[in-house]
Amino acid sequence: MASSVHIVGGGVIGLSCAWELSRNGHDVTVVAPAPGRDGASWVAAGMLAPVTEAQFGESALTELLLEGSRLWPGFAAALEDATGRTVGYDTTGTVTVALDASDRASLDDLLSYQHSLGLSAHRRSASECRSLVPALNPALRGGIEVPGDHQVDNRALLGALAAAGRAAGVSFTEAAVAAVAGGPELFLADGRRLRPEHVLLAAGTGLPAIEGLEGARLPAVRPVKGHILRLGPAAAGHGAPAPLLRRTVRGLVHGRSVYLVPRRDGSVVVGATVEERGDDTAVRAGAVHELLCDARAIVPGVDELELRETATGLRPATPDNMPRIGWTAMEGVAAAIGHYRNGILLSPLTAAAVVDLFARRPVAPFIQPLAPA
């Protein structure tokens, strides 16, 4: 049954849910201070990497990420058809490399774990890695090729989602939500009061600042800071320079993780630190220095790129790093929160689950354990 739904949050989760709900007949309003530029989505790298993101002890999350990745080809195609915009969906694959022998041993352990989960990943020698990515440092100790780990241009994606939402009838209220009450009811920071039939919480790290959610039985959501850099090819006198990279490269540098994600315009996104610093969003010189040093240890050619942007984002993490998708204990209030490092990858899956929720249909079996209540 169609209803009026107000979505609190204008990042990739909120916008994806808004578009899909509107396409399914709901009257949708996104309430956020800056839709499309909210939260961590704007400063993300856009990696769709269920295999490379596999972490020891998180097999359930890995299964969820794999389910999410399977929806991406159709989601990207539908979004591009709806808007006439490209979202930079790229299926070239990822190579993860090791700088020294200790890093190589760590990657071998990771590869064994990936294989134990039945994931598609292949050990590659140093020369094989350089055949895949000629710009790599010749001194690397080999790595892992993951054909199924892809990427999307996060900023192009956000723009397309906003445009698709508007075309489908989504309204946007640019304001902060101060409090939520069951029923439901939204209290805006500017004093306005809104009474939709349903509310979807998708506010990322902004969730703890919203009052009135004590009865929702939501897990704690904490911010995990990440620095990210954007590098671009230096201006050339004759035409555009050849891209430094044509596929995503991830690396271990003396135990530290770094990634380099190429864009179609020749720029490269470098990231990302993982810092427990609360709500601190300051760009720190030391973090920028460390990312640049680690990136050039993997791909020396980054020295020739322009440093175009330094930024930080706050990822919304739950205690077990799993998102929560489902109805809360508050009347009329659902949640799609806590996506941590995987909001972009899980956005099509989350939106599909939310459509099922509001249609009062059973959600998929792998979504059921994520119910907040």
Foldseek 3Di string as FASTA:
>chain_A
DAWEEEEEAQALQSLLLLLLSLVVPHQYEYEAQDHLCAFPLNQFFFKLALLVPDDPPPLLVSVLSVVLLVCPVVVQVVLCVLQVFHFQWWQAWEWEFEQDPVQVVVQVVSVVVSVVSVADKAWFALVRVCVQAVLWDSRIGTTMTHRRIIGTNSSSSSVSSVVSSVVSNYHYHNFHFAEFAFVTWTQTPVGDIDRILAYEYEHFQCVVRYPDCPQQLFFDWFWWKKKKWKWAADDDPDDDDDANGDAKYWYADVNDIKIWGAGPRNMIMIYIDTHRDTPDWDFDPVRVVVRVVVVCSTRVVSVRIHGDDMGMGIGIAGPSQDWAFAGTSGHRYTYTYHNGSCCSSCSNVRSVQVSCRVVVHDGDPSNVVRHSD
